[in-house]
Amino acid sequence: MGLFTNLLNPKAAVLYLSLLPQFADPATGPVLPQLLVLGLTQMAVSITINGAIILSAARIAAFLLHRPGWQRAQRWLTGSVLGLLAMRMAVGATTLRHRLASGVGRVLTRRFPRAGRDRRVKTHPT
């Protein structure tokens, strides 16, 4: 199902149509065969890499299936990494908010005095 989804994905066609023409040289010959070779080369590389990932994932899954200790360690490691990334994002967001509130906010207020004020739409009676 994923294969058909990727094959019918219009974003892939847009990528090929926008990216590959810059590598074609009309001075060296017809452009269409050059684009076909470039596209087929990229597809061959993608299939090779995705195949290697699939085979590796299957072997790792088989390895973890029969070793519950490794399974627990993998889950603990993955959970720890994701938790640390979440904390980093939270601290980064707090730091960014603090910087915006203290330094950048003042600069923006000085340069654009109306920035940040309540902008209510005033209606006039007709």
PDB file of N, CA and C in Angstrom:
ATOM      1  N   MET A   1       0.818  -1.191   0.000  1.00  0.00           N
ATOM      2  CA  MET A   1       0.000   0.000   0.000  1.00  0.00           C
ATOM      3  C   MET A   1       0.870   1.267   0.000  1.00  0.00           C
ATOM      4  N   GLY A   2       1.941   1.233   0.789  1.00  0.00           N
ATOM      5  CA  GLY A   2       2.836   2.381   0.822  1.00  0.00           C
ATOM      6  C   GLY A   2       3.502   2.637  -0.523  1.00  0.00           C
ATOM      7  N   LEU A   3       3.799   1.562  -1.251  1.00  0.00           N
ATOM      8  CA  LEU A   3       4.396   1.706  -2.575  1.00  0.00           C
ATOM      9  C   LEU A   3       3.459   2.454  -3.511  1.00  0.00           C
ATOM     10  N   PHE A   4       2.179   2.069  -3.517  1.00  0.00           N
ATOM     11  CA  PHE A   4       1.217   2.736  -4.391  1.00  0.00           C
ATOM     12  C   PHE A   4       0.996   4.192  -3.962  1.00  0.00           C
ATOM     13  N   THR A   5       1.002   4.412  -2.667  1.00  0.00           N
ATOM     14  CA  THR A   5       0.858   5.786  -2.181  1.00  0.00           C
ATOM     15  C   THR A   5       2.004   6.649  -2.677  1.00  0.00           C
ATOM     16  N   ASN A   6       3.207   6.132  -2.601  1.00  0.00           N
ATOM     17  CA  ASN A   6       4.365   6.902  -3.069  1.00  0.00           C
ATOM     18  C   ASN A   6       4.376   7.067  -4.577  1.00  0.00           C
ATOM     19  N   LEU A   7       3.960   6.030  -5.306  1.00  0.00           N
ATOM     20  CA  LEU A   7       3.953   6.128  -6.763  1.00  0.00           C
ATOM     21  C   LEU A   7       2.919   7.133  -7.263  1.00  0.00           C
ATOM     22  N   LEU A   8       1.809   7.230  -6.566  1.00  0.00           N
ATOM     23  CA  LEU A   8       0.738   8.131  -6.998  1.00  0.00           C
ATOM     24  C   LEU A   8       0.804   9.507  -6.334  1.00  0.00           C
ATOM     25  N   ASN A   9       1.865   9.756  -5.603  1.00  0.00           N
ATOM     26  CA  ASN A   9       2.020  11.009  -4.888  1.00  0.00           C
ATOM     27  C   ASN A   9       2.396  12.129  -5.869  1.00  0.00           C
ATOM     28  N   PRO A  10       1.573  13.157  -6.003  1.00  0.00           N
ATOM     29  CA  PRO A  10       1.913  14.229  -6.949  1.00  0.00           C
ATOM     30  C   PRO A  10       3.118  15.051  -6.502  1.00  0.00           C
ATOM     31  N   LYS A  11       3.446  15.031  -5.212  1.00  0.00           N
ATOM     32  CA  LYS A  11       4.607  15.787  -4.748  1.00  0.00           C
ATOM     33  C   LYS A  11       5.899  15.246  -5.337  1.00  0.00           C
ATOM     34  N   ALA A  12       5.962  13.933  -5.552  1.00  0.00           N
ATOM     35  CA  ALA A  12       7.159  13.354  -6.165  1.00  0.00           C
ATOM     36  C   ALA A  12       7.323  13.862  -7.594  1.00  0.00           C
ATOM     37  N   ALA A  13       6.223  13.929  -8.333  1.00  0.00           N
ATOM     38  CA  ALA A  13       6.291  14.438  -9.704  1.00  0.00           C
ATOM     39  C   ALA A  13       6.715  15.902  -9.716  1.00  0.00           C
ATOM     40  N   VAL A  14       6.190  16.684  -8.796  1.00  0.00           N
ATOM     41  CA  VAL A  14       6.570  18.103  -8.712  1.00  0.00           C
ATOM     42  C   VAL A  14       8.050  18.224  -8.365  1.00  0.00           C
ATOM     43  N   LEU A  15       8.529  17.365  -7.468  1.00  0.00           N
ATOM     44  CA  LEU A  15       9.945  17.385  -7.112  1.00  0.00           C
ATOM     45  C   LEU A  15      10.809  17.100  -8.336  1.00  0.00           C
ATOM     46  N   TYR A  16      10.465  16.046  -9.077  1.00  0.00           N
ATOM     47  CA  TYR A  16      11.250  15.711 -10.261  1.00  0.00           C
ATOM     48  C   TYR A  16      11.185  16.827 -11.306  1.00  0.00           C
ATOM     49  N   LEU A  17      10.003  17.392 -11.502  1.00  0.00           N
ATOM     50  CA  LEU A  17       9.863  18.447 -12.512  1.00  0.00           C
ATOM     51  C   LEU A  17      10.580  19.731 -12.124  1.00  0.00           C
ATOM     52  N   SER A  18      10.726  19.977 -10.832  1.00  0.00           N
ATOM     53  CA  SER A  18      11.385  21.217 -10.410  1.00  0.00           C
ATOM     54  C   SER A  18      12.877  21.034 -10.153  1.00  0.00           C
ATOM     55  N   LEU A  19      13.300  19.841  -9.777  1.00  0.00           N
ATOM     56  CA  LEU A  19      14.690  19.651  -9.379  1.00  0.00           C
ATOM     57  C   LEU A  19      15.581  19.165 -10.528  1.00  0.00           C
ATOM     58  N   LEU A  20      15.107  18.208 -11.288  1.00  0.00           N
ATOM     59  CA  LEU A  20      15.974  17.592 -12.294  1.00  0.00           C
ATOM     60  C   LEU A  20      16.339  18.481 -13.482  1.00  0.00           C
ATOM     61  N   PRO A  21      15.470  19.359 -13.984  1.00  0.00           N
ATOM     62  CA  PRO A  21      15.855  20.157 -15.158  1.00  0.00           C
ATOM     63  C   PRO A  21      17.114  21.001 -14.985  1.00  0.00           C
ATOM     64  N   GLN A  22      17.428  21.395 -13.770  1.00  0.00           N
ATOM     65  CA  GLN A  22      18.629  22.210 -13.592  1.00  0.00           C
ATOM     66  C   GLN A  22      19.907  21.408 -13.825  1.00  0.00           C
ATOM     67  N   PHE A  23      19.806  20.070 -13.849  1.00  0.00           N
ATOM     68  CA  PHE A  23      20.975  19.239 -14.088  1.00  0.00           C
ATOM     69  C   PHE A  23      21.074  18.762 -15.532  1.00  0.00           C
ATOM     70  N   ALA A  24      20.101  19.096 -16.343  1.00  0.00           N
ATOM     71  CA  ALA A  24      20.135  18.720 -17.755  1.00  0.00           C
ATOM     72  C   ALA A  24      20.844  19.810 -18.547  1.00  0.00           C
ATOM     73  N   ASP A  25      21.674  19.401 -19.491  1.00  0.00           N
ATOM     74  CA  ASP A  25      22.431  20.351 -20.300  1.00  0.00           C
ATOM     75  C   ASP A  25      22.014  20.209 -21.765  1.00  0.00           C
ATOM     76  N   PRO A  26      21.263  21.178 -22.308  1.00  0.00           N
ATOM     77  CA  PRO A  26      20.825  21.075 -23.703  1.00  0.00           C
ATOM     78  C   PRO A  26      21.984  21.038 -24.699  1.00  0.00           C
ATOM     79  N   ALA A  27      23.140  21.531 -24.322  1.00  0.00           N
ATOM     80  CA  ALA A  27      24.288  21.545 -25.231  1.00  0.00           C
ATOM     81  C   ALA A  27      24.858  20.146 -25.460  1.00  0.00           C
ATOM     82  N   THR A  28      24.609  19.224 -24.531  1.00  0.00           N
ATOM     83  CA  THR A  28      25.177  17.878 -24.671  1.00  0.00           C
ATOM     84  C   THR A  28      24.248  16.913 -25.398  1.00  0.00           C
ATOM     85  N   GLY A  29      23.036  17.330 -25.704  1.00  0.00           N
ATOM     86  CA  GLY A  29      22.125  16.450 -26.427  1.00  0.00           C
ATOM     87  C   GLY A  29      20.695  16.656 -25.972  1.00  0.00           C
ATOM     88  N   PRO A  30      19.796  15.759 -26.405  1.00  0.00           N
ATOM     89  CA  PRO A  30      18.390  15.889 -26.029  1.00  0.00           C
ATOM     90  C   PRO A  30      18.202  15.861 -24.506  1.00  0.00           C
ATOM     91  N   VAL A  31      17.289  16.681 -24.021  1.00  0.00           N
ATOM     92  CA  VAL A  31      17.089  16.837 -22.584  1.00  0.00           C
ATOM     93  C   VAL A  31      16.303  15.661 -21.988  1.00  0.00           C
ATOM     94  N   LEU A  32      15.308  15.157 -22.711  1.00  0.00           N
ATOM     95  CA  LEU A  32      14.453  14.095 -22.176  1.00  0.00           C
ATOM     96  C   LEU A  32      15.245  12.859 -21.758  1.00  0.00           C
ATOM     97  N   PRO A  33      16.157  12.331 -22.577  1.00  0.00           N
ATOM     98  CA  PRO A  33      16.933  11.175 -22.110  1.00  0.00           C
ATOM     99  C   PRO A  33      17.794  11.486 -20.883  1.00  0.00           C
ATOM    100  N   GLN A  34      18.311  12.697 -20.804  1.00  0.00           N
ATOM    101  CA  GLN A  34      19.105  13.080 -19.636  1.00  0.00           C
ATOM    102  C   GLN A  34      18.242  13.052 -18.377  1.00  0.00           C
ATOM    103  N   LEU A  35      17.025  13.615 -18.500  1.00  0.00           N
ATOM    104  CA  LEU A  35      16.123  13.631 -17.349  1.00  0.00           C
ATOM    105  C   LEU A  35      15.707  12.220 -16.954  1.00  0.00           C
ATOM    106  N   LEU A  36      15.488  11.359 -17.938  1.00  0.00           N
ATOM    107  CA  LEU A  36      15.125   9.974 -17.631  1.00  0.00           C
ATOM    108  C   LEU A  36      16.253   9.245 -16.904  1.00  0.00           C
ATOM    109  N   VAL A  37      17.485   9.456 -17.357  1.00  0.00           N
ATOM    110  CA  VAL A  37      18.631   8.821 -16.701  1.00  0.00           C
ATOM    111  C   VAL A  37      18.777   9.341 -15.268  1.00  0.00           C
ATOM    112  N   LEU A  38      18.648  10.644 -15.088  1.00  0.00           N
ATOM    113  CA  LEU A  38      18.751  11.210 -13.735  1.00  0.00           C
ATOM    114  C   LEU A  38      17.644  10.680 -12.830  1.00  0.00           C
ATOM    115  N   GLY A  39      16.414  10.647 -13.336  1.00  0.00           N
ATOM    116  CA  GLY A  39      15.299  10.154 -12.545  1.00  0.00           C
ATOM    117  C   GLY A  39      15.439   8.687 -12.198  1.00  0.00           C
ATOM    118  N   LEU A  40      15.841   7.874 -13.174  1.00  0.00           N
ATOM    119  CA  LEU A  40      16.019   6.441 -12.921  1.00  0.00           C
ATOM    120  C   LEU A  40      17.182   6.186 -11.965  1.00  0.00           C
ATOM    121  N   THR A  41      18.232   6.983 -12.062  1.00  0.00           N
ATOM    122  CA  THR A  41      19.349   6.851 -11.122  1.00  0.00           C
ATOM    123  C   THR A  41      18.901   7.164  -9.698  1.00  0.00           C
ATOM    124  N   GLN A  42      18.136   8.230  -9.543  1.00  0.00           N
ATOM    125  CA  GLN A  42      17.646   8.584  -8.212  1.00  0.00           C
ATOM    126  C   GLN A  42      16.728   7.494  -7.674  1.00  0.00           C
ATOM    127  N   MET A  43      15.878   6.934  -8.524  1.00  0.00           N
ATOM    128  CA  MET A  43      14.986   5.860  -8.079  1.00  0.00           C
ATOM    129  C   MET A  43      15.765   4.608  -7.690  1.00  0.00           C
ATOM    130  N   ALA A  44      16.805   4.279  -8.449  1.00  0.00           N
ATOM    131  CA  ALA A  44      17.617   3.111  -8.120  1.00  0.00           C
ATOM    132  C   ALA A  44      18.310   3.279  -6.770  1.00  0.00           C
ATOM    133  N   VAL A  45      18.834   4.467  -6.533  1.00  0.00           N
ATOM    134  CA  VAL A  45      19.477   4.739  -5.241  1.00  0.00           C
ATOM    135  C   VAL A  45      18.446   4.650  -4.114  1.00  0.00           C
ATOM    136  N   SER A  46      17.267   5.219  -4.317  1.00  0.00           N
ATOM    137  CA  SER A  46      16.225   5.182  -3.293  1.00  0.00           C
ATOM    138  C   SER A  46      15.776   3.759  -3.006  1.00  0.00           C
ATOM    139  N   ILE A  47      15.591   2.968  -4.039  1.00  0.00           N
ATOM    140  CA  ILE A  47      15.170   1.578  -3.846  1.00  0.00           C
ATOM    141  C   ILE A  47      16.246   0.798  -3.088  1.00  0.00           C
ATOM    142  N   THR A  48      17.506   1.016  -3.426  1.00  0.00           N
ATOM    143  CA  THR A  48      18.598   0.332  -2.736  1.00  0.00           C
ATOM    144  C   THR A  48      18.642   0.705  -1.256  1.00  0.00           C
ATOM    145  N   ILE A  49      18.554   1.992  -0.969  1.00  0.00           N
ATOM    146  CA  ILE A  49      18.617   2.442   0.424  1.00  0.00           C
ATOM    147  C   ILE A  49      17.392   1.960   1.200  1.00  0.00           C
ATOM    148  N   ASN A  50      16.205   2.101   0.614  1.00  0.00           N
ATOM    149  CA  ASN A  50      14.997   1.634   1.306  1.00  0.00           C
ATOM    150  C   ASN A  50      15.026   0.129   1.511  1.00  0.00           C
ATOM    151  N   GLY A  51      15.537  -0.624   0.539  1.00  0.00           N
ATOM    152  CA  GLY A  51      15.667  -2.073   0.705  1.00  0.00           C
ATOM    153  C   GLY A  51      16.601  -2.425   1.849  1.00  0.00           C
ATOM    154  N   ALA A  52      17.716  -1.714   1.946  1.00  0.00           N
ATOM    155  CA  ALA A  52      18.655  -1.956   3.050  1.00  0.00           C
ATOM    156  C   ALA A  52      18.002  -1.642   4.395  1.00  0.00           C
ATOM    157  N   ILE A  53      17.223  -0.572   4.445  1.00  0.00           N
ATOM    158  CA  ILE A  53      16.531  -0.224   5.689  1.00  0.00           C
ATOM    159  C   ILE A  53      15.513  -1.298   6.049  1.00  0.00           C
ATOM    160  N   ILE A  54      14.784  -1.801   5.058  1.00  0.00           N
ATOM    161  CA  ILE A  54      13.777  -2.843   5.307  1.00  0.00           C
ATOM    162  C   ILE A  54      14.437  -4.108   5.829  1.00  0.00           C
ATOM    163  N   LEU A  55      15.513  -4.538   5.171  1.00  0.00           N
ATOM    164  CA  LEU A  55      16.197  -5.755   5.613  1.00  0.00           C
ATOM    165  C   LEU A  55      16.795  -5.587   7.004  1.00  0.00           C
ATOM    166  N   SER A  56      17.369  -4.427   7.275  1.00  0.00           N
ATOM    167  CA  SER A  56      17.934  -4.174   8.599  1.00  0.00           C
ATOM    168  C   SER A  56      16.841  -4.164   9.659  1.00  0.00           C
ATOM    169  N   ALA A  57      15.737  -3.537   9.358  1.00  0.00           N
ATOM    170  CA  ALA A  57      14.637  -3.475  10.327  1.00  0.00           C
ATOM    171  C   ALA A  57      14.092  -4.867  10.609  1.00  0.00           C
ATOM    172  N   ALA A  58      13.994  -5.697   9.580  1.00  0.00           N
ATOM    173  CA  ALA A  58      13.498  -7.063   9.782  1.00  0.00           C
ATOM    174  C   ALA A  58      14.460  -7.849  10.667  1.00  0.00           C
ATOM    175  N   ARG A  59      15.741  -7.717  10.442  1.00  0.00           N
ATOM    176  CA  ARG A  59      16.724  -8.433  11.271  1.00  0.00           C
ATOM    177  C   ARG A  59      16.721  -7.922  12.703  1.00  0.00           C
ATOM    178  N   ILE A  60      16.617  -6.617  12.875  1.00  0.00           N
ATOM    179  CA  ILE A  60      16.584  -6.052  14.229  1.00  0.00           C
ATOM    180  C   ILE A  60      15.319  -6.491  14.956  1.00  0.00           C
ATOM    181  N   ALA A  61      14.192  -6.501  14.253  1.00  0.00           N
ATOM    182  CA  ALA A  61      12.936  -6.948  14.864  1.00  0.00           C
ATOM    183  C   ALA A  61      13.031  -8.407  15.287  1.00  0.00           C
ATOM    184  N   ALA A  62      13.612  -9.253  14.441  1.00  0.00           N
ATOM    185  CA  ALA A  62      13.778 -10.666  14.787  1.00  0.00           C
ATOM    186  C   ALA A  62      14.713 -10.818  15.986  1.00  0.00           C
ATOM    187  N   PHE A  63      15.757 -10.020  16.029  1.00  0.00           N
ATOM    188  CA  PHE A  63      16.692 -10.065  17.154  1.00  0.00           C
ATOM    189  C   PHE A  63      15.993  -9.669  18.451  1.00  0.00           C
ATOM    190  N   LEU A  64      15.232  -8.579  18.414  1.00  0.00           N
ATOM    191  CA  LEU A  64      14.558  -8.090  19.620  1.00  0.00           C
ATOM    192  C   LEU A  64      13.409  -8.992  20.054  1.00  0.00           C
ATOM    193  N   LEU A  65      12.793  -9.698  19.127  1.00  0.00           N
ATOM    194  CA  LEU A  65      11.653 -10.549  19.436  1.00  0.00           C
ATOM    195  C   LEU A  65      12.026 -11.654  20.417  1.00  0.00           C
ATOM    196  N   HIS A  66      13.208 -12.205  20.278  1.00  0.00           N
ATOM    197  CA  HIS A  66      13.625 -13.337  21.108  1.00  0.00           C
ATOM    198  C   HIS A  66      14.471 -12.918  22.308  1.00  0.00           C
ATOM    199  N   ARG A  67      14.663 -11.640  22.515  1.00  0.00           N
ATOM    200  CA  ARG A  67      15.492 -11.165  23.625  1.00  0.00           C
ATOM    201  C   ARG A  67      14.763 -10.038  24.359  1.00  0.00           C
ATOM    202  N   PRO A  68      13.962 -10.395  25.373  1.00  0.00           N
ATOM    203  CA  PRO A  68      13.175  -9.371  26.077  1.00  0.00           C
ATOM    204  C   PRO A  68      14.041  -8.332  26.800  1.00  0.00           C
ATOM    205  N   GLY A  69      15.240  -8.692  27.217  1.00  0.00           N
ATOM    206  CA  GLY A  69      16.119  -7.724  27.869  1.00  0.00           C
ATOM    207  C   GLY A  69      16.526  -6.608  26.918  1.00  0.00           C
ATOM    208  N   TRP A  70      16.878  -6.978  25.691  1.00  0.00           N
ATOM    209  CA  TRP A  70      17.223  -5.998  24.675  1.00  0.00           C
ATOM    210  C   TRP A  70      16.009  -5.158  24.314  1.00  0.00           C
ATOM    211  N   GLN A  71      14.840  -5.794  24.315  1.00  0.00           N
ATOM    212  CA  GLN A  71      13.607  -5.067  24.013  1.00  0.00           C
ATOM    213  C   GLN A  71      13.359  -3.980  25.053  1.00  0.00           C
ATOM    214  N   ARG A  72      13.518  -4.345  26.333  1.00  0.00           N
ATOM    215  CA  ARG A  72      13.335  -3.356  27.407  1.00  0.00           C
ATOM    216  C   ARG A  72      14.370  -2.239  27.291  1.00  0.00           C
ATOM    217  N   ALA A  73      15.621  -2.615  27.027  1.00  0.00           N
ATOM    218  CA  ALA A  73      16.679  -1.603  26.904  1.00  0.00           C
ATOM    219  C   ALA A  73      16.390  -0.655  25.737  1.00  0.00           C
ATOM    220  N   GLN A  74      15.924  -1.213  24.625  1.00  0.00           N
ATOM    221  CA  GLN A  74      15.607  -0.376  23.462  1.00  0.00           C
ATOM    222  C   GLN A  74      14.457   0.567  23.776  1.00  0.00           C
ATOM    223  N   ARG A  75      13.428   0.074  24.449  1.00  0.00           N
ATOM    224  CA  ARG A  75      12.298   0.936  24.817  1.00  0.00           C
ATOM    225  C   ARG A  75      12.731   2.010  25.807  1.00  0.00           C
ATOM    226  N   TRP A  76      13.561   1.635  26.776  1.00  0.00           N
ATOM    227  CA  TRP A  76      14.025   2.599  27.773  1.00  0.00           C
ATOM    228  C   TRP A  76      14.873   3.672  27.101  1.00  0.00           C
ATOM    229  N   LEU A  77      15.773   3.247  26.221  1.00  0.00           N
ATOM    230  CA  LEU A  77      16.637   4.205  25.530  1.00  0.00           C
ATOM    231  C   LEU A  77      15.825   5.143  24.651  1.00  0.00           C
ATOM    232  N   THR A  78      14.896   4.580  23.891  1.00  0.00           N
ATOM    233  CA  THR A  78      14.065   5.411  23.013  1.00  0.00           C
ATOM    234  C   THR A  78      13.221   6.384  23.830  1.00  0.00           C
ATOM    235  N   GLY A  79      12.604   5.903  24.897  1.00  0.00           N
ATOM    236  CA  GLY A  79      11.801   6.776  25.759  1.00  0.00           C
ATOM    237  C   GLY A  79      12.634   7.874  26.391  1.00  0.00           C
ATOM    238  N   SER A  80      13.846   7.523  26.816  1.00  0.00           N
ATOM    239  CA  SER A  80      14.727   8.532  27.428  1.00  0.00           C
ATOM    240  C   SER A  80      15.112   9.608  26.414  1.00  0.00           C
ATOM    241  N   VAL A  81      15.465   9.188  25.214  1.00  0.00           N
ATOM    242  CA  VAL A  81      15.853  10.161  24.182  1.00  0.00           C
ATOM    243  C   VAL A  81      14.675  11.078  23.864  1.00  0.00           C
ATOM    244  N   LEU A  82      13.483  10.508  23.691  1.00  0.00           N
ATOM    245  CA  LEU A  82      12.316  11.339  23.391  1.00  0.00           C
ATOM    246  C   LEU A  82      11.975  12.267  24.555  1.00  0.00           C
ATOM    247  N   GLY A  83      12.099  11.775  25.790  1.00  0.00           N
ATOM    248  CA  GLY A  83      11.851  12.623  26.955  1.00  0.00           C
ATOM    249  C   GLY A  83      12.842  13.769  27.036  1.00  0.00           C
ATOM    250  N   LEU A  84      14.122  13.480  26.776  1.00  0.00           N
ATOM    251  CA  LEU A  84      15.135  14.540  26.792  1.00  0.00           C
ATOM    252  C   LEU A  84      14.897  15.566  25.688  1.00  0.00           C
ATOM    253  N   LEU A  85      14.499  15.093  24.532  1.00  0.00           N
ATOM    254  CA  LEU A  85      14.176  16.041  23.457  1.00  0.00           C
ATOM    255  C   LEU A  85      12.982  16.915  23.825  1.00  0.00           C
ATOM    256  N   ALA A  86      11.979  16.318  24.468  1.00  0.00           N
ATOM    257  CA  ALA A  86      10.818  17.108  24.890  1.00  0.00           C
ATOM    258  C   ALA A  86      11.220  18.160  25.914  1.00  0.00           C
ATOM    259  N   MET A  87      12.074  17.771  26.875  1.00  0.00           N
ATOM    260  CA  MET A  87      12.534  18.749  27.869  1.00  0.00           C
ATOM    261  C   MET A  87      13.355  19.847  27.208  1.00  0.00           C
ATOM    262  N   ARG A  88      14.181  19.480  26.248  1.00  0.00           N
ATOM    263  CA  ARG A  88      14.982  20.481  25.531  1.00  0.00           C
ATOM    264  C   ARG A  88      14.090  21.464  24.784  1.00  0.00           C
ATOM    265  N   MET A  89      13.047  20.932  24.165  1.00  0.00           N
ATOM    266  CA  MET A  89      12.115  21.813  23.458  1.00  0.00           C
ATOM    267  C   MET A  89      11.388  22.728  24.434  1.00  0.00           C
ATOM    268  N   ALA A  90      10.991  22.191  25.589  1.00  0.00           N
ATOM    269  CA  ALA A  90      10.280  23.008  26.576  1.00  0.00           C
ATOM    270  C   ALA A  90      11.189  24.108  27.115  1.00  0.00           C
ATOM    271  N   VAL A  91      12.424  23.767  27.424  1.00  0.00           N
ATOM    272  CA  VAL A  91      13.371  24.766  27.927  1.00  0.00           C
ATOM    273  C   VAL A  91      13.683  25.776  26.827  1.00  0.00           C
ATOM    274  N   GLY A  92      13.848  25.309  25.613  1.00  0.00           N
ATOM    275  CA  GLY A  92      14.114  26.214  24.497  1.00  0.00           C
ATOM    276  C   GLY A  92      12.962  27.159  24.258  1.00  0.00           C
ATOM    277  N   ALA A  93      11.725  26.661  24.374  1.00  0.00           N
ATOM    278  CA  ALA A  93      10.557  27.521  24.180  1.00  0.00           C
ATOM    279  C   ALA A  93      10.472  28.551  25.293  1.00  0.00           C
ATOM    280  N   THR A  94      10.768  28.125  26.530  1.00  0.00           N
ATOM    281  CA  THR A  94      10.744  29.064  27.651  1.00  0.00           C
ATOM    282  C   THR A  94      11.823  30.118  27.468  1.00  0.00           C
ATOM    283  N   THR A  95      13.011  29.692  27.073  1.00  0.00           N
ATOM    284  CA  THR A  95      14.102  30.636  26.847  1.00  0.00           C
ATOM    285  C   THR A  95      13.753  31.600  25.727  1.00  0.00           C
ATOM    286  N   LEU A  96      13.173  31.097  24.666  1.00  0.00           N
ATOM    287  CA  LEU A  96      12.789  31.954  23.556  1.00  0.00           C
ATOM    288  C   LEU A  96      11.731  32.960  23.990  1.00  0.00           C
ATOM    289  N   ARG A  97      10.727  32.485  24.754  1.00  0.00           N
ATOM    290  CA  ARG A  97       9.702  33.412  25.245  1.00  0.00           C
ATOM    291  C   ARG A  97      10.320  34.476  26.150  1.00  0.00           C
ATOM    292  N   HIS A  98      11.272  34.061  27.000  1.00  0.00           N
ATOM    293  CA  HIS A  98      11.933  35.007  27.895  1.00  0.00           C
ATOM    294  C   HIS A  98      12.723  36.038  27.089  1.00  0.00           C
ATOM    295  N   ARG A  99      13.436  35.572  26.076  1.00  0.00           N
ATOM    296  CA  ARG A  99      14.209  36.507  25.250  1.00  0.00           C
ATOM    297  C   ARG A  99      13.294  37.471  24.514  1.00  0.00           C
ATOM    298  N   LEU A 100      12.205  36.942  23.985  1.00  0.00           N
ATOM    299  CA  LEU A 100      11.270  37.813  23.277  1.00  0.00           C
ATOM    300  C   LEU A 100      10.646  38.827  24.221  1.00  0.00           C
ATOM    301  N   ALA A 101      10.306  38.380  25.421  1.00  0.00           N
ATOM    302  CA  ALA A 101       9.663  39.283  26.378  1.00  0.00           C
ATOM    303  C   ALA A 101      10.632  40.353  26.868  1.00  0.00           C
ATOM    304  N   SER A 102      11.899  39.999  27.032  1.00  0.00           N
ATOM    305  CA  SER A 102      12.825  40.967  27.610  1.00  0.00           C
ATOM    306  C   SER A 102      13.508  41.841  26.564  1.00  0.00           C
ATOM    307  N   GLY A 103      14.188  41.235  25.619  1.00  0.00           N
ATOM    308  CA  GLY A 103      15.006  42.033  24.715  1.00  0.00           C
ATOM    309  C   GLY A 103      14.319  42.435  23.437  1.00  0.00           C
ATOM    310  N   VAL A 104      13.889  41.481  22.701  1.00  0.00           N
ATOM    311  CA  VAL A 104      13.336  41.761  21.379  1.00  0.00           C
ATOM    312  C   VAL A 104      12.030  42.529  21.498  1.00  0.00           C
ATOM    313  N   GLY A 105      11.238  42.215  22.513  1.00  0.00           N
ATOM    314  CA  GLY A 105       9.963  42.908  22.688  1.00  0.00           C
ATOM    315  C   GLY A 105      10.149  44.401  22.866  1.00  0.00           C
ATOM    316  N   ARG A 106      11.167  44.783  23.645  1.00  0.00           N
ATOM    317  CA  ARG A 106      11.430  46.204  23.856  1.00  0.00           C
ATOM    318  C   ARG A 106      11.899  46.874  22.572  1.00  0.00           C
ATOM    319  N   VAL A 107      12.731  46.176  21.825  1.00  0.00           N
ATOM    320  CA  VAL A 107      13.231  46.750  20.567  1.00  0.00           C
ATOM    321  C   VAL A 107      12.074  46.952  19.609  1.00  0.00           C
ATOM    322  N   LEU A 108      11.200  45.954  19.505  1.00  0.00           N
ATOM    323  CA  LEU A 108      10.053  46.092  18.611  1.00  0.00           C
ATOM    324  C   LEU A 108       9.133  47.214  19.059  1.00  0.00           C
ATOM    325  N   THR A 109       8.937  47.353  20.357  1.00  0.00           N
ATOM    326  CA  THR A 109       8.064  48.416  20.860  1.00  0.00           C
ATOM    327  C   THR A 109       8.659  49.788  20.563  1.00  0.00           C
ATOM    328  N   ARG A 110       9.984  49.914  20.652  1.00  0.00           N
ATOM    329  CA  ARG A 110      10.617  51.189  20.336  1.00  0.00           C
ATOM    330  C   ARG A 110      10.508  51.509  18.858  1.00  0.00           C
ATOM    331  N   ARG A 111      10.728  50.502  18.016  1.00  0.00           N
ATOM    332  CA  ARG A 111      10.691  50.749  16.573  1.00  0.00           C
ATOM    333  C   ARG A 111       9.270  50.881  16.049  1.00  0.00           C
ATOM    334  N   PHE A 112       8.381  50.087  16.574  1.00  0.00           N
ATOM    335  CA  PHE A 112       6.988  50.091  16.127  1.00  0.00           C
ATOM    336  C   PHE A 112       6.098  50.313  17.355  1.00  0.00           C
ATOM    337  N   PRO A 113       5.865  51.561  17.735  1.00  0.00           N
ATOM    338  CA  PRO A 113       5.168  51.848  18.988  1.00  0.00           C
ATOM    339  C   PRO A 113       3.765  51.257  19.056  1.00  0.00           C
ATOM    340  N   ARG A 114       3.120  51.033  17.946  1.00  0.00           N
ATOM    341  CA  ARG A 114       1.761  50.502  17.991  1.00  0.00           C
ATOM    342  C   ARG A 114       1.748  48.985  18.082  1.00  0.00           C
ATOM    343  N   ALA A 115       2.911  48.344  17.943  1.00  0.00           N
ATOM    344  CA  ALA A 115       2.965  46.877  17.984  1.00  0.00           C
ATOM    345  C   ALA A 115       2.600  46.393  19.376  1.00  0.00           C
ATOM    346  N   GLY A 116       1.777  45.411  19.448  1.00  0.00           N
ATOM    347  CA  GLY A 116       1.411  44.824  20.724  1.00  0.00           C
ATOM    348  C   GLY A 116       0.232  45.477  21.399  1.00  0.00           C
ATOM    349  N   ARG A 117      -0.199  46.610  20.924  1.00  0.00           N
ATOM    350  CA  ARG A 117      -1.352  47.264  21.546  1.00  0.00           C
ATOM    351  C   ARG A 117      -2.627  46.594  21.091  1.00  0.00           C
ATOM    352  N   ASP A 118      -3.632  46.779  21.871  1.00  0.00           N
ATOM    353  CA  ASP A 118      -4.935  46.217  21.532  1.00  0.00           C
ATOM    354  C   ASP A 118      -5.501  47.006  20.359  1.00  0.00           C
ATOM    355  N   ARG A 119      -5.769  46.308  19.301  1.00  0.00           N
ATOM    356  CA  ARG A 119      -6.289  46.983  18.111  1.00  0.00           C
ATOM    357  C   ARG A 119      -7.749  46.598  17.934  1.00  0.00           C
ATOM    358  N   ARG A 120      -8.594  47.356  18.518  1.00  0.00           N
ATOM    359  CA  ARG A 120     -10.015  47.100  18.384  1.00  0.00           C
ATOM    360  C   ARG A 120     -10.568  47.897  17.209  1.00  0.00           C
ATOM    361  N   VAL A 121     -11.446  47.281  16.545  1.00  0.00           N
ATOM    362  CA  VAL A 121     -12.081  47.958  15.400  1.00  0.00           C
ATOM    363  C   VAL A 121     -13.152  48.885  15.944  1.00  0.00           C
ATOM    364  N   LYS A 122     -13.010  50.143  15.627  1.00  0.00           N
ATOM    365  CA  LYS A 122     -13.995  51.121  16.086  1.00  0.00           C
ATOM    366  C   LYS A 122     -15.077  51.256  15.022  1.00  0.00           C
ATOM    367  N   THR A 123     -16.283  51.121  15.465  1.00  0.00           N
ATOM    368  CA  THR A 123     -17.379  51.266  14.515  1.00  0.00           C
ATOM    369  C   THR A 123     -17.983  52.645  14.694  1.00  0.00           C
ATOM    370  N   HIS A 124     -18.268  53.268  13.612  1.00  0.00           N
ATOM    371  CA  HIS A 124     -18.879  54.579  13.640  1.00  0.00           C
ATOM    372  C   HIS A 124     -20.342  54.434  13.294  1.00  0.00           C
ATOM    373  N   PRO A 125     -21.201  55.133  14.013  1.00  0.00           N
ATOM    374  CA  PRO A 125     -22.621  55.034  13.681  1.00  0.00           C
ATOM    375  C   PRO A 125     -22.883  55.712  12.336  1.00  0.00           C
ATOM    376  N   THR A 126     -23.681  55.100  11.554  1.00  0.00           N
ATOM    377  CA  THR A 126     -23.987  55.684  10.232  1.00  0.00           C
ATOM    378  C   THR A 126     -25.328  56.329  10.212  1.00  0.00           C
TER     379      THR A 126
END
